[in-house]
Amino acid sequence: MKNASRFTMGAIAALFLAASPALAYEAADVKDGGSLSGTITGGPGKAGTIKVTKNDDVCGKMVADESSKVKDNKIEGAVVTIQGIAKGKKADTKPAVIDNAQCVFVPHVQAAMVGSKIDIKNSDPILHNSHAYIGGKITTFNVALPNKGQKVTKPLKKAGLMNVKCDAGHTWMKAWIVVHDSPYYAVTDAKGSFKIDNVPPGKYKVKVWHETLGETEKEVTIAAKGAAKLDAALKK
């Protein structure tokens, strides 16, 4: 496990932009698939609020700081990805969604598969401009949304860690999307829990990432029809 403070955003992103070529994933029936579940713990968390500096008539005076949601040592919003699966379950074809809602991005953290699409929405009656970067500097989409109810759909063409900002002066707005090379990923819930199902039997590396608490990598063996467990701790 590495301390999050040692990484710049670009360095953390590089962990998801592997030096080896991205896998060409193939959907197929999974024989005797197993599952991986567990709990991600650690901290400390950072409960608090962020001051709104523009459009406070719509956004309010403060918004919640969602960068480190930890309760009872359980981490919400950590992304778990199983590495190295080139053939397995069919990916969900429904687009991911990121909404500009009350001047925050919803959801704050999510994961999606490379080659899928994302719906970028605006639920506010003001201009938002959703600008996503992969690797901290390469633009993947840059969408102006001047109208409430507007939606624009964009493809997710590259695997990696994507950060999203609002270029319409809402500097506090931030979100993260881990674009993975297979559908074997999960985001932890409010209890720090996750589950990934229908995994081909085998031995895998599993990465756990969080925006402020860093990352770790572990190995796990998933038996045929087995239910493997993986618990991990992240700490500043």
Protein backbone atom coordinates (compact mmCIF):
# COMPACT_ATOMS: atom_id res chain seq x y z
CA MET A 1 0.00 0.00 0.00
CA LYS A 2 1.27 3.43 -0.87
CA ASN A 3 0.58 6.68 0.90
CA ALA A 4 -1.80 8.86 -1.12
CA SER A 5 0.22 11.97 -0.36
CA ARG A 6 3.12 10.59 -2.39
CA PHE A 7 1.16 10.69 -5.59
CA THR A 8 0.26 13.50 -7.87
CA MET A 9 -3.03 13.05 -9.69
CA GLY A 10 -1.11 12.10 -12.81
CA ALA A 11 0.92 9.49 -10.94
CA ILE A 12 -2.19 7.88 -9.51
CA ALA A 13 -3.76 7.90 -12.96
CA ALA A 14 -0.72 6.12 -14.33
CA LEU A 15 -1.57 3.13 -12.16
CA PHE A 16 -4.67 2.67 -14.28
CA LEU A 17 -2.94 3.48 -17.57
CA ALA A 18 -0.89 0.31 -17.73
CA ALA A 19 2.22 0.22 -19.85
CA SER A 20 1.02 -2.95 -21.56
CA PRO A 21 -1.63 -2.64 -24.28
CA ALA A 22 -5.26 -2.70 -23.17
CA LEU A 23 -6.92 -6.08 -23.35
CA ALA A 24 -9.29 -6.77 -26.24
CA TYR A 25 -12.15 -8.01 -24.11
CA GLU A 26 -14.41 -10.79 -25.40
CA ALA A 27 -17.85 -11.46 -23.95
CA ALA A 28 -18.62 -15.16 -23.50
CA ASP A 29 -20.45 -17.57 -21.24
CA VAL A 30 -18.61 -18.06 -17.95
CA LYS A 31 -18.40 -21.68 -16.85
CA ASP A 32 -18.47 -22.24 -13.09
CA GLY A 33 -18.05 -18.55 -12.37
CA GLY A 34 -17.26 -17.40 -8.87
CA SER A 35 -17.53 -14.14 -6.98
CA LEU A 36 -15.32 -11.70 -5.14
CA SER A 37 -16.59 -9.63 -2.25
CA GLY A 38 -15.19 -7.80 0.71
CA THR A 39 -14.88 -4.61 2.70
CA ILE A 40 -12.52 -1.68 2.23
CA THR A 41 -11.55 0.04 5.46
CA GLY A 42 -9.23 2.80 6.57
CA GLY A 43 -9.11 6.52 7.00
CA PRO A 44 -9.22 9.02 8.40
CA GLY A 45 -12.17 10.48 6.56
CA LYS A 46 -12.76 14.15 5.93
CA ALA A 47 -16.32 15.20 6.67
CA GLY A 48 -16.98 18.80 5.84
CA THR A 49 -18.27 21.33 3.38
CA ILE A 50 -16.88 23.47 0.57
CA LYS A 51 -17.77 27.12 0.08
CA VAL A 52 -19.68 27.96 -3.09
CA THR A 53 -18.17 30.90 -4.98
CA LYS A 54 -20.57 31.26 -7.91
CA ASN A 55 -24.33 30.94 -8.55
CA ASP A 56 -25.11 30.53 -4.86
CA ASP A 57 -28.76 31.33 -5.64
CA VAL A 58 -28.89 27.88 -7.29
CA CYS A 59 -26.03 26.04 -5.62
CA GLY A 60 -26.50 27.23 -2.06
CA LYS A 61 -23.79 28.68 0.14
CA MET A 62 -21.98 25.38 0.79
CA VAL A 63 -21.79 21.90 -0.72
CA ALA A 64 -20.71 18.65 0.91
CA ASP A 65 -17.10 17.55 0.56
CA GLU A 66 -17.35 14.02 -0.84
CA SER A 67 -13.64 13.40 -1.33
CA SER A 68 -13.27 11.11 1.69
CA LYS A 69 -16.47 9.53 2.99
CA VAL A 70 -15.55 7.22 5.87
CA LYS A 71 -17.89 6.03 8.61
CA ASP A 72 -16.93 3.55 11.33
CA ASN A 73 -13.68 2.97 9.43
CA LYS A 74 -15.60 1.85 6.31
CA ILE A 75 -14.68 3.63 3.07
CA GLU A 76 -17.37 4.63 0.61
CA GLY A 77 -16.39 5.35 -2.98
CA ALA A 78 -13.34 3.11 -3.33
CA VAL A 79 -13.05 1.44 -6.74
CA VAL A 80 -12.14 -2.26 -6.92
CA THR A 81 -10.97 -3.69 -10.26
CA ILE A 82 -9.95 -7.24 -11.15
CA GLN A 83 -7.01 -7.17 -13.55
CA GLY A 84 -6.18 -9.32 -16.54
CA ILE A 85 -9.54 -10.79 -17.57
CA ALA A 86 -9.72 -10.88 -21.36
CA LYS A 87 -12.82 -13.06 -21.68
CA GLY A 88 -15.85 -13.23 -19.45
CA LYS A 89 -19.32 -11.96 -18.67
CA LYS A 90 -21.18 -9.59 -20.94
CA ALA A 91 -20.81 -5.93 -20.06
CA ASP A 92 -23.79 -3.78 -19.17
CA THR A 93 -24.79 -1.88 -22.31
CA LYS A 94 -26.63 0.85 -20.42
CA PRO A 95 -24.65 4.12 -20.52
CA ALA A 96 -23.03 5.43 -17.38
CA VAL A 97 -24.47 8.74 -16.16
CA ILE A 98 -22.89 11.83 -14.65
CA ASP A 99 -25.29 14.58 -13.64
CA ASN A 100 -24.66 18.22 -12.76
CA ALA A 101 -27.16 18.44 -9.91
CA GLN A 102 -27.26 21.25 -7.34
CA CYS A 103 -23.77 22.18 -8.46
CA VAL A 104 -22.11 18.87 -7.67
CA PHE A 105 -21.41 15.88 -9.90
CA VAL A 106 -23.63 12.88 -9.23
CA PRO A 107 -22.22 10.34 -8.68
CA HIS A 108 -18.94 11.61 -7.28
CA VAL A 109 -17.14 8.33 -8.06
CA GLN A 110 -18.08 5.61 -10.52
CA ALA A 111 -16.60 2.96 -12.79
CA ALA A 112 -17.42 2.01 -16.37
CA MET A 113 -16.03 -0.18 -19.12
CA VAL A 114 -13.92 1.11 -21.97
CA GLY A 115 -15.93 1.18 -25.18
CA SER A 116 -19.16 2.03 -23.37
CA LYS A 117 -20.91 5.40 -23.34
CA ILE A 118 -21.69 8.03 -20.74
CA ASP A 119 -24.66 10.40 -20.53
CA ILE A 120 -23.62 13.85 -19.31
CA LYS A 121 -26.65 15.65 -17.87
CA ASN A 122 -27.55 19.03 -16.44
CA SER A 123 -30.30 19.16 -13.81
CA ASP A 124 -29.60 22.80 -12.89
CA PRO A 125 -31.04 25.97 -14.46
CA ILE A 126 -27.54 27.39 -15.05
CA LEU A 127 -24.62 26.74 -17.37
CA HIS A 128 -22.30 23.86 -16.53
CA ASN A 129 -19.34 22.72 -18.61
CA SER A 130 -18.30 19.15 -17.86
CA HIS A 131 -14.65 18.64 -18.81
CA ALA A 132 -13.10 15.20 -18.34
CA TYR A 133 -9.41 14.35 -18.47
CA ILE A 134 -7.67 11.00 -18.51
CA GLY A 135 -4.20 10.81 -17.04
CA GLY A 136 -4.75 14.29 -15.64
CA LYS A 137 -4.30 16.13 -18.94
CA ILE A 138 -5.80 14.36 -21.99
CA THR A 139 -9.34 15.58 -22.69
CA THR A 140 -11.87 12.79 -23.15
CA PHE A 141 -14.96 14.99 -23.29
CA ASN A 142 -15.64 18.70 -22.92
CA VAL A 143 -19.36 19.44 -22.95
CA ALA A 144 -21.17 22.75 -22.44
CA LEU A 145 -24.62 22.28 -20.91
CA PRO A 146 -26.42 25.65 -20.80
CA ASN A 147 -29.95 24.30 -20.35
CA LYS A 148 -31.70 22.46 -17.55
CA GLY A 149 -32.64 18.95 -18.65
CA GLN A 150 -29.96 18.83 -21.34
CA LYS A 151 -28.13 15.56 -22.00
CA VAL A 152 -25.14 14.76 -24.21
CA THR A 153 -23.83 11.24 -24.76
CA LYS A 154 -20.12 10.58 -25.27
CA PRO A 155 -18.04 7.41 -25.78
CA LEU A 156 -15.45 6.21 -23.28
CA LYS A 157 -12.69 5.28 -25.69
CA LYS A 158 -9.70 4.84 -23.37
CA ALA A 159 -9.17 2.86 -20.19
CA GLY A 160 -7.74 4.78 -17.26
CA LEU A 161 -8.50 7.11 -14.39
CA MET A 162 -10.65 10.04 -15.46
CA ASN A 163 -11.20 13.21 -13.46
CA VAL A 164 -14.06 15.56 -14.27
CA LYS A 165 -14.28 19.29 -13.58
CA CYS A 166 -16.71 22.09 -14.36
CA ASP A 167 -15.19 24.80 -16.56
CA ALA A 168 -18.09 27.19 -15.97
CA GLY A 169 -16.51 28.68 -12.87
CA HIS A 170 -17.74 26.04 -10.41
CA THR A 171 -14.25 25.19 -9.24
CA TRP A 172 -15.39 22.99 -6.35
CA MET A 173 -17.10 20.50 -8.69
CA LYS A 174 -15.04 17.33 -9.09
CA ALA A 175 -15.77 13.71 -9.99
CA TRP A 176 -13.84 10.54 -10.81
CA ILE A 177 -14.51 7.74 -13.28
CA VAL A 178 -12.38 4.61 -13.44
CA VAL A 179 -12.68 3.30 -17.00
CA HIS A 180 -11.71 -0.37 -16.85
CA ASP A 181 -10.82 -2.82 -19.62
CA SER A 182 -13.40 -5.40 -18.51
CA PRO A 183 -16.74 -5.37 -16.65
CA TYR A 184 -15.08 -6.74 -13.50
CA TYR A 185 -15.22 -3.72 -11.22
CA ALA A 186 -17.21 -2.35 -8.30
CA VAL A 187 -17.51 0.81 -6.20
CA THR A 188 -17.83 0.40 -2.44
CA ASP A 189 -21.07 1.42 -0.76
CA ALA A 190 -21.60 3.35 2.48
CA LYS A 191 -20.57 0.25 4.47
CA GLY A 192 -17.34 -0.12 2.51
CA SER A 193 -18.68 -3.27 0.86
CA PHE A 194 -18.39 -4.49 -2.71
CA LYS A 195 -19.18 -7.60 -4.75
CA ILE A 196 -18.15 -8.68 -8.25
CA ASP A 197 -19.89 -11.73 -9.65
CA ASN A 198 -19.62 -14.23 -12.50
CA VAL A 199 -15.81 -14.19 -12.44
CA PRO A 200 -13.96 -16.88 -14.43
CA PRO A 201 -12.06 -19.16 -12.03
CA GLY A 202 -8.41 -18.21 -11.69
CA LYS A 203 -5.74 -16.24 -9.87
CA TYR A 204 -5.88 -12.47 -10.29
CA LYS A 205 -4.42 -9.19 -9.18
CA VAL A 206 -7.00 -6.85 -7.68
CA LYS A 207 -6.51 -3.09 -7.42
CA VAL A 208 -8.25 -0.86 -4.91
CA TRP A 209 -8.18 2.91 -5.48
CA HIS A 210 -9.51 5.90 -3.58
CA GLU A 211 -9.09 9.55 -4.49
CA THR A 212 -7.58 10.70 -1.18
CA LEU A 213 -6.63 7.49 0.65
CA GLY A 214 -4.44 6.06 -2.09
CA GLU A 215 -4.35 2.57 -3.53
CA THR A 216 -3.28 -0.98 -2.92
CA GLU A 217 -2.95 -4.17 -4.94
CA LYS A 218 -3.59 -7.72 -3.77
CA GLU A 219 -3.73 -11.21 -5.25
CA VAL A 220 -6.76 -13.42 -4.98
CA THR A 221 -7.72 -16.89 -6.19
CA ILE A 222 -11.31 -17.44 -7.23
CA ALA A 223 -12.32 -21.10 -7.33
CA ALA A 224 -14.92 -22.59 -9.64
CA LYS A 225 -18.31 -21.59 -8.22
CA GLY A 226 -16.40 -20.19 -5.26
CA ALA A 227 -17.01 -17.09 -3.17
CA ALA A 228 -13.65 -15.43 -2.59
CA LYS A 229 -13.18 -12.72 0.03
CA LEU A 230 -10.88 -9.74 -0.13
CA ASP A 231 -10.64 -7.13 2.59
CA ALA A 232 -8.20 -4.26 2.24
CA ALA A 233 -7.18 -1.20 4.22
CA LEU A 234 -6.23 2.22 2.90
CA LYS A 235 -4.63 4.93 4.99
CA LYS A 236 -3.17 8.36 4.43
